[in-house]
């Protein structure tokens, strides 16, 4: 039955949006595909209860919308609008029908692969040929994400929480940077200040634990995300993130080829540089990082089916 022909009694709603199906969850938030009364286009709707124990506040959603208005890029999922209805906060954004990069590594890591075949993680098995041993396409993924990050920094936005679960891949193999809930932007109003949240410890560079951060910190987090994608292993294994936070200076990122020797040298070198512990040894800009990965991709034989390089041509329905 068409969603518009359902009775209001049958519809699950929040404000003007009719909820269709659940796409995912994290913390106290749930993400649904939804359609608004005034349009036929689907959106992704992040919903969080208004609760004193919630890790999300309305100001966080307002900040994401403000960032979304400043930042438009074909590989960035920018928030459209937010609101509060019936004791729930909601954030609307373009929908990307695909898989998270975190599920791709879960499916490849024997220590993290779900034991039950009923796990929804297995719904994303279709994406594995895009990443497992597909080195030319991995370089293209890195170039797309570097391009998205360069656009963020050019707009005065520091993401602060780049990690595999905040990156989506569609069925064309294209990737999109999402979730700007912890992002900050240059010149933002004081009410948007983020004072007590640093991001996910596993993907943070050493300087953040000394209360220092700039665009190169995002480059590190993206580098570590690509490290995980190339090796199929989560950084620091199963060590709890609170232990990592308390003892981060004791950890060092192993080189990509020390874990996966078959990764091409030119690709591994770019990832290792992005994930260098010292900011001065990383790429100094996301633009430089993008160019390095594009050069690496051009030097690798493309003997597998890969998508064409798409840096600024594809748009998402908004």
C-alpha atoms as a PDB file:
ATOM      1  CA  UNK A   1       0.000   0.000   0.000  1.00  0.00           C
ATOM      2  CA  UNK A   2       1.278   3.448  -0.863  1.00  0.00           C
ATOM      3  CA  UNK A   3       2.419   5.313   2.241  1.00  0.00           C
ATOM      4  CA  UNK A   4       0.210   8.296   1.401  1.00  0.00           C
ATOM      5  CA  UNK A   5      -2.907   6.120   1.375  1.00  0.00           C
ATOM      6  CA  UNK A   6      -2.431   4.693   4.854  1.00  0.00           C
ATOM      7  CA  UNK A   7      -4.640   6.010   7.588  1.00  0.00           C
ATOM      8  CA  UNK A   8      -2.994   8.264  10.124  1.00  0.00           C
ATOM      9  CA  UNK A   9      -3.803   5.640  12.752  1.00  0.00           C
ATOM     10  CA  UNK A  10      -1.612   3.101  10.945  1.00  0.00           C
ATOM     11  CA  UNK A  11       1.296   5.446  10.352  1.00  0.00           C
ATOM     12  CA  UNK A  12       4.212   5.891  12.682  1.00  0.00           C
ATOM     13  CA  UNK A  13       4.919   9.598  12.604  1.00  0.00           C
ATOM     14  CA  UNK A  14       7.053  12.328  14.061  1.00  0.00           C
ATOM     15  CA  UNK A  15       5.946  15.801  13.039  1.00  0.00           C
ATOM     16  CA  UNK A  16       5.448  15.942   9.263  1.00  0.00           C
ATOM     17  CA  UNK A  17       7.436  12.746   8.696  1.00  0.00           C
ATOM     18  CA  UNK A  18       6.021   9.251   8.227  1.00  0.00           C
ATOM     19  CA  UNK A  19       8.493   6.602   9.396  1.00  0.00           C
ATOM     20  CA  UNK A  20       9.075   3.745   6.971  1.00  0.00           C
ATOM     21  CA  UNK A  21      11.752   1.349   8.249  1.00  0.00           C
ATOM     22  CA  UNK A  22      14.581   1.355  10.740  1.00  0.00           C
ATOM     23  CA  UNK A  23      18.008   1.772   9.191  1.00  0.00           C
ATOM     24  CA  UNK A  24      20.226   1.638  12.261  1.00  0.00           C
ATOM     25  CA  UNK A  25      20.859   2.776  15.797  1.00  0.00           C
ATOM     26  CA  UNK A  26      23.539   4.126  18.109  1.00  0.00           C
ATOM     27  CA  UNK A  27      23.359   5.052  21.781  1.00  0.00           C
ATOM     28  CA  UNK A  28      19.804   6.203  22.479  1.00  0.00           C
ATOM     29  CA  UNK A  29      19.219   7.274  18.870  1.00  0.00           C
ATOM     30  CA  UNK A  30      17.440   5.371  16.122  1.00  0.00           C
ATOM     31  CA  UNK A  31      17.650   6.116  12.396  1.00  0.00           C
ATOM     32  CA  UNK A  32      14.658   5.528  10.110  1.00  0.00           C
ATOM     33  CA  UNK A  33      13.924   6.069   6.480  1.00  0.00           C
ATOM     34  CA  UNK A  34      11.031   8.528   6.311  1.00  0.00           C
ATOM     35  CA  UNK A  35       8.975  10.608   3.948  1.00  0.00           C
ATOM     36  CA  UNK A  36       7.567  14.072   4.599  1.00  0.00           C
ATOM     37  CA  UNK A  37       3.966  15.064   3.980  1.00  0.00           C
ATOM     38  CA  UNK A  38       5.045  17.748   1.520  1.00  0.00           C
ATOM     39  CA  UNK A  39       7.369  15.619  -0.652  1.00  0.00           C
ATOM     40  CA  UNK A  40       7.736  12.193  -2.252  1.00  0.00           C
ATOM     41  CA  UNK A  41      11.475  11.982  -1.559  1.00  0.00           C
ATOM     42  CA  UNK A  42      12.847   9.806   1.230  1.00  0.00           C
ATOM     43  CA  UNK A  43      15.134  11.123   3.954  1.00  0.00           C
ATOM     44  CA  UNK A  44      17.023   9.534   6.817  1.00  0.00           C
ATOM     45  CA  UNK A  45      15.554  10.622  10.164  1.00  0.00           C
ATOM     46  CA  UNK A  46      17.628  10.364  13.338  1.00  0.00           C
ATOM     47  CA  UNK A  47      15.356  10.256  16.408  1.00  0.00           C
ATOM     48  CA  UNK A  48      16.378  10.630  20.044  1.00  0.00           C
ATOM     49  CA  UNK A  49      14.132  10.833  23.125  1.00  0.00           C
ATOM     50  CA  UNK A  50      14.178  14.048  25.139  1.00  0.00           C
ATOM     51  CA  UNK A  51      15.791  12.630  28.239  1.00  0.00           C
ATOM     52  CA  UNK A  52      18.152  13.950  30.893  1.00  0.00           C
ATOM     53  CA  UNK A  53      20.301  10.858  30.400  1.00  0.00           C
ATOM     54  CA  UNK A  54      20.482  11.213  26.620  1.00  0.00           C
ATOM     55  CA  UNK A  55      23.867  11.808  25.009  1.00  0.00           C
ATOM     56  CA  UNK A  56      22.215  14.102  22.439  1.00  0.00           C
ATOM     57  CA  UNK A  57      20.744  17.540  23.064  1.00  0.00           C
ATOM     58  CA  UNK A  58      18.675  19.752  20.776  1.00  0.00           C
ATOM     59  CA  UNK A  59      21.566  22.190  20.455  1.00  0.00           C
ATOM     60  CA  UNK A  60      23.616  19.351  18.908  1.00  0.00           C
ATOM     61  CA  UNK A  61      21.038  18.911  16.157  1.00  0.00           C
ATOM     62  CA  UNK A  62      20.809  22.674  15.635  1.00  0.00           C
ATOM     63  CA  UNK A  63      24.585  22.818  15.218  1.00  0.00           C
ATOM     64  CA  UNK A  64      24.465  20.015  12.613  1.00  0.00           C
ATOM     65  CA  UNK A  65      21.854  21.909  10.605  1.00  0.00           C
ATOM     66  CA  UNK A  66      23.943  25.098  10.756  1.00  0.00           C
ATOM     67  CA  UNK A  67      26.960  23.144   9.518  1.00  0.00           C
ATOM     68  CA  UNK A  68      24.851  21.541   6.796  1.00  0.00           C
ATOM     69  CA  UNK A  69      23.851  24.954   5.480  1.00  0.00           C
ATOM     70  CA  UNK A  70      27.513  25.944   5.261  1.00  0.00           C
ATOM     71  CA  UNK A  71      28.809  22.675   3.842  1.00  0.00           C
ATOM     72  CA  UNK A  72      27.575  21.228   0.531  1.00  0.00           C
ATOM     73  CA  UNK A  73      29.665  18.521  -1.139  1.00  0.00           C
ATOM     74  CA  UNK A  74      28.759  15.418  -3.180  1.00  0.00           C
ATOM     75  CA  UNK A  75      30.463  13.114  -0.665  1.00  0.00           C
ATOM     76  CA  UNK A  76      29.124  14.746   2.507  1.00  0.00           C
ATOM     77  CA  UNK A  77      25.774  13.950   4.125  1.00  0.00           C
ATOM     78  CA  UNK A  78      24.619  17.382   5.330  1.00  0.00           C
ATOM     79  CA  UNK A  79      21.724  17.780   7.778  1.00  0.00           C
ATOM     80  CA  UNK A  80      18.579  19.415   6.369  1.00  0.00           C
ATOM     81  CA  UNK A  81      16.442  20.329   9.374  1.00  0.00           C
ATOM     82  CA  UNK A  82      15.741  19.386  12.968  1.00  0.00           C
ATOM     83  CA  UNK A  83      12.871  19.658  15.414  1.00  0.00           C
ATOM     84  CA  UNK A  84      11.210  18.365  18.558  1.00  0.00           C
ATOM     85  CA  UNK A  85       7.853  16.581  18.628  1.00  0.00           C
ATOM     86  CA  UNK A  86       6.056  14.428  21.218  1.00  0.00           C
ATOM     87  CA  UNK A  87       9.083  14.197  23.491  1.00  0.00           C
ATOM     88  CA  UNK A  88      11.473  13.230  20.710  1.00  0.00           C
ATOM     89  CA  UNK A  89      14.203  15.138  18.901  1.00  0.00           C
ATOM     90  CA  UNK A  90      14.649  14.513  15.201  1.00  0.00           C
ATOM     91  CA  UNK A  91      17.263  15.346  12.580  1.00  0.00           C
ATOM     92  CA  UNK A  92      16.547  14.964   8.856  1.00  0.00           C
ATOM     93  CA  UNK A  93      19.299  14.327   6.322  1.00  0.00           C
ATOM     94  CA  UNK A  94      19.701  12.911   2.805  1.00  0.00           C
ATOM     95  CA  UNK A  95      19.369   9.151   2.692  1.00  0.00           C
ATOM     96  CA  UNK A  96      22.223   6.998   1.435  1.00  0.00           C
ATOM     97  CA  UNK A  97      21.038   3.450   0.877  1.00  0.00           C
ATOM     98  CA  UNK A  98      24.096   1.372   1.532  1.00  0.00           C
ATOM     99  CA  UNK A  99      26.457   0.055   4.186  1.00  0.00           C
ATOM    100  CA  UNK A 100      28.679   1.547   6.872  1.00  0.00           C
ATOM    101  CA  UNK A 101      32.401   0.924   6.603  1.00  0.00           C
ATOM    102  CA  UNK A 102      32.303  -0.456  10.158  1.00  0.00           C
ATOM    103  CA  UNK A 103      30.141  -3.384   9.045  1.00  0.00           C
ATOM    104  CA  UNK A 104      32.609  -4.165   6.282  1.00  0.00           C
ATOM    105  CA  UNK A 105      35.428  -4.638   8.767  1.00  0.00           C
ATOM    106  CA  UNK A 106      33.205  -6.575  11.186  1.00  0.00           C
ATOM    107  CA  UNK A 107      32.481  -9.064   8.426  1.00  0.00           C
ATOM    108  CA  UNK A 108      36.206  -9.479   7.659  1.00  0.00           C
ATOM    109  CA  UNK A 109      37.589  -9.673  11.201  1.00  0.00           C
ATOM    110  CA  UNK A 110      37.216 -13.178  12.700  1.00  0.00           C
ATOM    111  CA  UNK A 111      37.287 -11.698  16.219  1.00  0.00           C
ATOM    112  CA  UNK A 112      34.343  -9.382  15.479  1.00  0.00           C
ATOM    113  CA  UNK A 113      32.276 -11.256  12.889  1.00  0.00           C
ATOM    114  CA  UNK A 114      28.783 -11.916  14.328  1.00  0.00           C
ATOM    115  CA  UNK A 115      28.220 -15.500  15.405  1.00  0.00           C
ATOM    116  CA  UNK A 116      24.599 -15.505  14.314  1.00  0.00           C
ATOM    117  CA  UNK A 117      23.739 -15.439  10.624  1.00  0.00           C
ATOM    118  CA  UNK A 118      20.607 -13.523  11.637  1.00  0.00           C
ATOM    119  CA  UNK A 119      22.671 -10.454  12.443  1.00  0.00           C
ATOM    120  CA  UNK A 120      21.762  -7.471  10.263  1.00  0.00           C
ATOM    121  CA  UNK A 121      25.491  -6.971   9.680  1.00  0.00           C
ATOM    122  CA  UNK A 122      25.273  -9.752   7.085  1.00  0.00           C
ATOM    123  CA  UNK A 123      22.877  -7.584   5.072  1.00  0.00           C
ATOM    124  CA  UNK A 124      25.978  -5.621   4.022  1.00  0.00           C
ATOM    125  CA  UNK A 125      27.938  -8.561   2.582  1.00  0.00           C
ATOM    126  CA  UNK A 126      27.254  -7.181  -0.917  1.00  0.00           C
ATOM    127  CA  UNK A 127      29.782  -4.399  -0.191  1.00  0.00           C
ATOM    128  CA  UNK A 128      32.763  -6.647   0.532  1.00  0.00           C
ATOM    129  CA  UNK A 129      34.009  -6.908  -3.099  1.00  0.00           C
ATOM    130  CA  UNK A 130      34.423  -3.128  -3.103  1.00  0.00           C
ATOM    131  CA  UNK A 131      36.980  -3.247  -0.279  1.00  0.00           C
ATOM    132  CA  UNK A 132      38.477  -6.693   0.319  1.00  0.00           C
ATOM    133  CA  UNK A 133      41.685  -6.787  -1.713  1.00  0.00           C
ATOM    134  CA  UNK A 134      40.266  -4.239  -4.161  1.00  0.00           C
ATOM    135  CA  UNK A 135      43.231  -1.901  -3.776  1.00  0.00           C
ATOM    136  CA  UNK A 136      42.546   0.457  -6.714  1.00  0.00           C
ATOM    137  CA  UNK A 137      39.043   1.115  -5.451  1.00  0.00           C
ATOM    138  CA  UNK A 138      40.261   1.548  -1.871  1.00  0.00           C
ATOM    139  CA  UNK A 139      42.541   4.317  -3.161  1.00  0.00           C
ATOM    140  CA  UNK A 140      39.549   5.900  -4.897  1.00  0.00           C
ATOM    141  CA  UNK A 141      37.510   5.678  -1.684  1.00  0.00           C
ATOM    142  CA  UNK A 142      40.355   7.435   0.128  1.00  0.00           C
ATOM    143  CA  UNK A 143      40.409  10.179  -2.528  1.00  0.00           C
ATOM    144  CA  UNK A 144      36.661  10.734  -2.246  1.00  0.00           C
ATOM    145  CA  UNK A 145      36.826  11.025   1.539  1.00  0.00           C
ATOM    146  CA  UNK A 146      39.870  13.289   1.385  1.00  0.00           C
ATOM    147  CA  UNK A 147      37.957  15.515  -1.016  1.00  0.00           C
ATOM    148  CA  UNK A 148      35.014  15.639   1.397  1.00  0.00           C
ATOM    149  CA  UNK A 149      37.358  16.465   4.263  1.00  0.00           C
ATOM    150  CA  UNK A 150      39.047  19.215   2.236  1.00  0.00           C
ATOM    151  CA  UNK A 151      35.617  20.783   1.653  1.00  0.00           C
ATOM    152  CA  UNK A 152      34.903  20.620   5.397  1.00  0.00           C
ATOM    153  CA  UNK A 153      38.141  22.382   6.270  1.00  0.00           C
ATOM    154  CA  UNK A 154      37.663  24.980   3.524  1.00  0.00           C
ATOM    155  CA  UNK A 155      34.279  25.771   5.086  1.00  0.00           C
ATOM    156  CA  UNK A 156      35.880  26.144   8.517  1.00  0.00           C
ATOM    157  CA  UNK A 157      34.459  22.843   9.803  1.00  0.00           C
ATOM    158  CA  UNK A 158      36.446  20.302  11.858  1.00  0.00           C
ATOM    159  CA  UNK A 159      34.577  16.975  11.942  1.00  0.00           C
ATOM    160  CA  UNK A 160      36.182  15.588  15.154  1.00  0.00           C
ATOM    161  CA  UNK A 161      34.625  12.115  14.932  1.00  0.00           C
ATOM    162  CA  UNK A 162      35.719  10.447  11.696  1.00  0.00           C
ATOM    163  CA  UNK A 163      35.454   6.676  12.042  1.00  0.00           C
ATOM    164  CA  UNK A 164      34.128   3.731   9.985  1.00  0.00           C
ATOM    165  CA  UNK A 165      30.603   3.894  11.429  1.00  0.00           C
ATOM    166  CA  UNK A 166      30.303   7.527  10.292  1.00  0.00           C
ATOM    167  CA  UNK A 167      31.072   6.717   6.650  1.00  0.00           C
ATOM    168  CA  UNK A 168      28.509   5.206   4.279  1.00  0.00           C
ATOM    169  CA  UNK A 169      29.020   3.372   0.989  1.00  0.00           C
ATOM    170  CA  UNK A 170      26.291   3.103  -1.637  1.00  0.00           C
ATOM    171  CA  UNK A 171      25.864   0.269  -4.120  1.00  0.00           C
ATOM    172  CA  UNK A 172      27.927   2.117  -6.714  1.00  0.00           C
ATOM    173  CA  UNK A 173      30.904   1.939  -4.356  1.00  0.00           C
ATOM    174  CA  UNK A 174      30.864   5.671  -3.604  1.00  0.00           C
ATOM    175  CA  UNK A 175      31.411   6.841  -0.031  1.00  0.00           C
ATOM    176  CA  UNK A 176      29.931   9.653   2.044  1.00  0.00           C
ATOM    177  CA  UNK A 177      31.096  11.339   5.238  1.00  0.00           C
ATOM    178  CA  UNK A 178      28.256  11.629   7.755  1.00  0.00           C
ATOM    179  CA  UNK A 179      27.365  12.514  11.360  1.00  0.00           C
ATOM    180  CA  UNK A 180      28.578  16.005  12.219  1.00  0.00           C
ATOM    181  CA  UNK A 181      27.242  15.780  15.775  1.00  0.00           C
ATOM    182  CA  UNK A 182      30.616  16.653  17.339  1.00  0.00           C
ATOM    183  CA  UNK A 183      31.826  18.981  14.587  1.00  0.00           C
ATOM    184  CA  UNK A 184      32.812  22.573  15.235  1.00  0.00           C
ATOM    185  CA  UNK A 185      32.941  25.422  12.750  1.00  0.00           C
ATOM    186  CA  UNK A 186      34.994  28.574  12.681  1.00  0.00           C
ATOM    187  CA  UNK A 187      33.021  31.591  13.830  1.00  0.00           C
ATOM    188  CA  UNK A 188      30.155  29.529  15.233  1.00  0.00           C
ATOM    189  CA  UNK A 189      27.859  31.093  17.874  1.00  0.00           C
ATOM    190  CA  UNK A 190      28.949  30.470  21.472  1.00  0.00           C
ATOM    191  CA  UNK A 191      25.822  28.373  22.099  1.00  0.00           C
ATOM    192  CA  UNK A 192      27.191  25.784  19.644  1.00  0.00           C
ATOM    193  CA  UNK A 193      30.425  25.210  21.584  1.00  0.00           C
ATOM    194  CA  UNK A 194      31.264  21.538  22.192  1.00  0.00           C
ATOM    195  CA  UNK A 195      33.069  21.419  25.508  1.00  0.00           C
ATOM    196  CA  UNK A 196      32.872  17.891  26.909  1.00  0.00           C
ATOM    197  CA  UNK A 197      33.026  15.519  23.946  1.00  0.00           C
ATOM    198  CA  UNK A 198      36.196  14.505  22.132  1.00  0.00           C
ATOM    199  CA  UNK A 199      35.043  11.768  19.769  1.00  0.00           C
ATOM    200  CA  UNK A 200      35.736   8.036  19.762  1.00  0.00           C
ATOM    201  CA  UNK A 201      39.026   7.374  21.556  1.00  0.00           C
ATOM    202  CA  UNK A 202      40.068   4.532  19.240  1.00  0.00           C
ATOM    203  CA  UNK A 203      40.299   6.892  16.250  1.00  0.00           C
ATOM    204  CA  UNK A 204      41.671  10.011  17.964  1.00  0.00           C
ATOM    205  CA  UNK A 205      45.263  11.197  17.439  1.00  0.00           C
ATOM    206  CA  UNK A 206      47.625  11.581  20.401  1.00  0.00           C
ATOM    207  CA  UNK A 207      47.467  15.399  20.477  1.00  0.00           C
ATOM    208  CA  UNK A 208      43.740  15.403  21.244  1.00  0.00           C
ATOM    209  CA  UNK A 209      44.454  13.846  24.634  1.00  0.00           C
ATOM    210  CA  UNK A 210      46.604  16.921  25.330  1.00  0.00           C
ATOM    211  CA  UNK A 211      43.681  19.179  24.356  1.00  0.00           C
ATOM    212  CA  UNK A 212      45.216  20.155  20.998  1.00  0.00           C
ATOM    213  CA  UNK A 213      43.416  19.753  17.700  1.00  0.00           C
ATOM    214  CA  UNK A 214      43.338  21.127  14.150  1.00  0.00           C
ATOM    215  CA  UNK A 215      42.536  19.875  10.664  1.00  0.00           C
ATOM    216  CA  UNK A 216      45.407  17.401  10.820  1.00  0.00           C
ATOM    217  CA  UNK A 217      43.579  15.617  13.632  1.00  0.00           C
ATOM    218  CA  UNK A 218      40.777  14.823  11.178  1.00  0.00           C
ATOM    219  CA  UNK A 219      43.400  13.613   8.706  1.00  0.00           C
ATOM    220  CA  UNK A 220      44.708  11.186  11.331  1.00  0.00           C
ATOM    221  CA  UNK A 221      41.208   9.833  12.072  1.00  0.00           C
ATOM    222  CA  UNK A 222      40.562   9.322   8.365  1.00  0.00           C
ATOM    223  CA  UNK A 223      43.969   7.672   8.007  1.00  0.00           C
ATOM    224  CA  UNK A 224      43.197   5.250  10.833  1.00  0.00           C
ATOM    225  CA  UNK A 225      39.789   4.515   9.291  1.00  0.00           C
ATOM    226  CA  UNK A 226      41.499   3.673   5.982  1.00  0.00           C
ATOM    227  CA  UNK A 227      44.049   1.574   7.903  1.00  0.00           C
ATOM    228  CA  UNK A 228      41.158  -0.489   9.286  1.00  0.00           C
ATOM    229  CA  UNK A 229      39.582  -0.775   5.842  1.00  0.00           C
ATOM    230  CA  UNK A 230      42.853  -1.941   4.253  1.00  0.00           C
ATOM    231  CA  UNK A 231      43.811  -4.439   6.960  1.00  0.00           C
ATOM    232  CA  UNK A 232      40.352  -5.630   7.985  1.00  0.00           C
ATOM    233  CA  UNK A 233      41.345  -5.189  11.625  1.00  0.00           C
ATOM    234  CA  UNK A 234      40.186  -2.637  14.193  1.00  0.00           C
ATOM    235  CA  UNK A 235      42.984  -0.419  15.568  1.00  0.00           C
ATOM    236  CA  UNK A 236      44.201  -1.644  18.969  1.00  0.00           C
ATOM    237  CA  UNK A 237      42.185  -4.869  18.677  1.00  0.00           C
ATOM    238  CA  UNK A 238      39.584  -5.445  21.376  1.00  0.00           C
ATOM    239  CA  UNK A 239      41.105  -3.081  23.938  1.00  0.00           C
ATOM    240  CA  UNK A 240      38.274  -1.071  25.489  1.00  0.00           C
ATOM    241  CA  UNK A 241      38.100   2.560  24.388  1.00  0.00           C
ATOM    242  CA  UNK A 242      38.383   3.814  27.981  1.00  0.00           C
ATOM    243  CA  UNK A 243      41.669   1.927  28.366  1.00  0.00           C
ATOM    244  CA  UNK A 244      42.855   3.495  25.116  1.00  0.00           C
ATOM    245  CA  UNK A 245      41.869   6.935  26.393  1.00  0.00           C
ATOM    246  CA  UNK A 246      43.820   6.427  29.627  1.00  0.00           C
ATOM    247  CA  UNK A 247      46.966   4.942  28.048  1.00  0.00           C
ATOM    248  CA  UNK A 248      46.974   6.344  24.494  1.00  0.00           C
ATOM    249  CA  UNK A 249      50.604   7.480  24.603  1.00  0.00           C
ATOM    250  CA  UNK A 250      51.668   3.836  24.972  1.00  0.00           C
ATOM    251  CA  UNK A 251      50.101   2.798  21.661  1.00  0.00           C
ATOM    252  CA  UNK A 252      51.552   3.114  18.185  1.00  0.00           C
ATOM    253  CA  UNK A 253      49.818   2.357  14.909  1.00  0.00           C
ATOM    254  CA  UNK A 254      51.505  -0.608  13.173  1.00  0.00           C
ATOM    255  CA  UNK A 255      52.257  -0.058   9.504  1.00  0.00           C
ATOM    256  CA  UNK A 256      49.648  -1.333   7.073  1.00  0.00           C
ATOM    257  CA  UNK A 257      51.998  -3.821   5.408  1.00  0.00           C
ATOM    258  CA  UNK A 258      53.099  -5.276   8.734  1.00  0.00           C
ATOM    259  CA  UNK A 259      49.503  -6.577   8.972  1.00  0.00           C
ATOM    260  CA  UNK A 260      48.651  -7.063   5.281  1.00  0.00           C
ATOM    261  CA  UNK A 261      51.881  -7.410   3.238  1.00  0.00           C
ATOM    262  CA  UNK A 262      49.889  -7.677   0.001  1.00  0.00           C
ATOM    263  CA  UNK A 263      48.660  -4.069   0.208  1.00  0.00           C
ATOM    264  CA  UNK A 264      50.439  -2.152  -2.596  1.00  0.00           C
ATOM    265  CA  UNK A 265      53.361  -0.087  -1.343  1.00  0.00           C
ATOM    266  CA  UNK A 266      52.057   3.187  -2.778  1.00  0.00           C
ATOM    267  CA  UNK A 267      48.647   2.776  -1.103  1.00  0.00           C
ATOM    268  CA  UNK A 268      50.092   1.632   2.223  1.00  0.00           C
ATOM    269  CA  UNK A 269      52.533   4.568   2.266  1.00  0.00           C
ATOM    270  CA  UNK A 270      49.670   7.081   1.898  1.00  0.00           C
ATOM    271  CA  UNK A 271      47.651   5.467   4.696  1.00  0.00           C
ATOM    272  CA  UNK A 272      50.672   5.244   7.001  1.00  0.00           C
ATOM    273  CA  UNK A 273      51.474   8.914   6.431  1.00  0.00           C
ATOM    274  CA  UNK A 274      47.895   9.993   7.168  1.00  0.00           C
ATOM    275  CA  UNK A 275      47.914   7.969  10.400  1.00  0.00           C
ATOM    276  CA  UNK A 276      51.317   9.186  11.647  1.00  0.00           C
ATOM    277  CA  UNK A 277      51.364   9.909  15.386  1.00  0.00           C
ATOM    278  CA  UNK A 278      53.068  13.290  14.990  1.00  0.00           C
ATOM    279  CA  UNK A 279      50.986  15.948  13.196  1.00  0.00           C
ATOM    280  CA  UNK A 280      54.045  17.263  11.338  1.00  0.00           C
ATOM    281  CA  UNK A 281      54.563  13.890   9.648  1.00  0.00           C
ATOM    282  CA  UNK A 282      51.007  13.628   8.313  1.00  0.00           C
ATOM    283  CA  UNK A 283      49.629  15.226   5.191  1.00  0.00           C
ATOM    284  CA  UNK A 284      49.334  18.863   6.163  1.00  0.00           C
ATOM    285  CA  UNK A 285      46.087  19.380   4.242  1.00  0.00           C
ATOM    286  CA  UNK A 286      43.255  17.147   3.061  1.00  0.00           C
ATOM    287  CA  UNK A 287      43.854  18.463  -0.476  1.00  0.00           C
ATOM    288  CA  UNK A 288      47.404  17.076  -0.387  1.00  0.00           C
ATOM    289  CA  UNK A 289      46.041  13.794   0.945  1.00  0.00           C
ATOM    290  CA  UNK A 290      43.514  13.571  -1.896  1.00  0.00           C
ATOM    291  CA  UNK A 291      46.188  14.173  -4.541  1.00  0.00           C
ATOM    292  CA  UNK A 292      48.433  11.509  -3.006  1.00  0.00           C
ATOM    293  CA  UNK A 293      45.697   8.875  -3.124  1.00  0.00           C
ATOM    294  CA  UNK A 294      44.728   9.806  -6.673  1.00  0.00           C
ATOM    295  CA  UNK A 295      48.374   9.398  -7.685  1.00  0.00           C
ATOM    296  CA  UNK A 296      48.519   6.026  -5.895  1.00  0.00           C
ATOM    297  CA  UNK A 297      45.357   4.880  -7.688  1.00  0.00           C
ATOM    298  CA  UNK A 298      46.816   5.831 -11.067  1.00  0.00           C
ATOM    299  CA  UNK A 299      49.899   3.677 -10.425  1.00  0.00           C
ATOM    300  CA  UNK A 300      47.982   0.510  -9.503  1.00  0.00           C
ATOM    301  CA  UNK A 301      46.779  -1.946 -12.166  1.00  0.00           C
ATOM    302  CA  UNK A 302      42.999  -1.942 -12.289  1.00  0.00           C
ATOM    303  CA  UNK A 303      42.364  -5.637 -12.855  1.00  0.00           C
ATOM    304  CA  UNK A 304      39.141  -5.750 -10.862  1.00  0.00           C
ATOM    305  CA  UNK A 305      35.765  -4.138 -11.430  1.00  0.00           C
ATOM    306  CA  UNK A 306      35.949  -0.716  -9.826  1.00  0.00           C
ATOM    307  CA  UNK A 307      33.845   2.404 -10.034  1.00  0.00           C
ATOM    308  CA  UNK A 308      35.223   5.420 -11.901  1.00  0.00           C
ATOM    309  CA  UNK A 309      36.803   8.159  -9.839  1.00  0.00           C
ATOM    310  CA  UNK A 310      34.039  10.515  -8.715  1.00  0.00           C
ATOM    311  CA  UNK A 311      35.173  13.572  -6.856  1.00  0.00           C
ATOM    312  CA  UNK A 312      32.796  16.379  -7.661  1.00  0.00           C
ATOM    313  CA  UNK A 313      30.221  15.098 -10.113  1.00  0.00           C
ATOM    314  CA  UNK A 314      27.773  12.994  -8.135  1.00  0.00           C
ATOM    315  CA  UNK A 315      24.987  14.617  -6.161  1.00  0.00           C
ATOM    316  CA  UNK A 316      22.668  13.143  -3.563  1.00  0.00           C
ATOM    317  CA  UNK A 317      18.959  13.879  -3.594  1.00  0.00           C
ATOM    318  CA  UNK A 318      18.461  16.473  -0.890  1.00  0.00           C
END
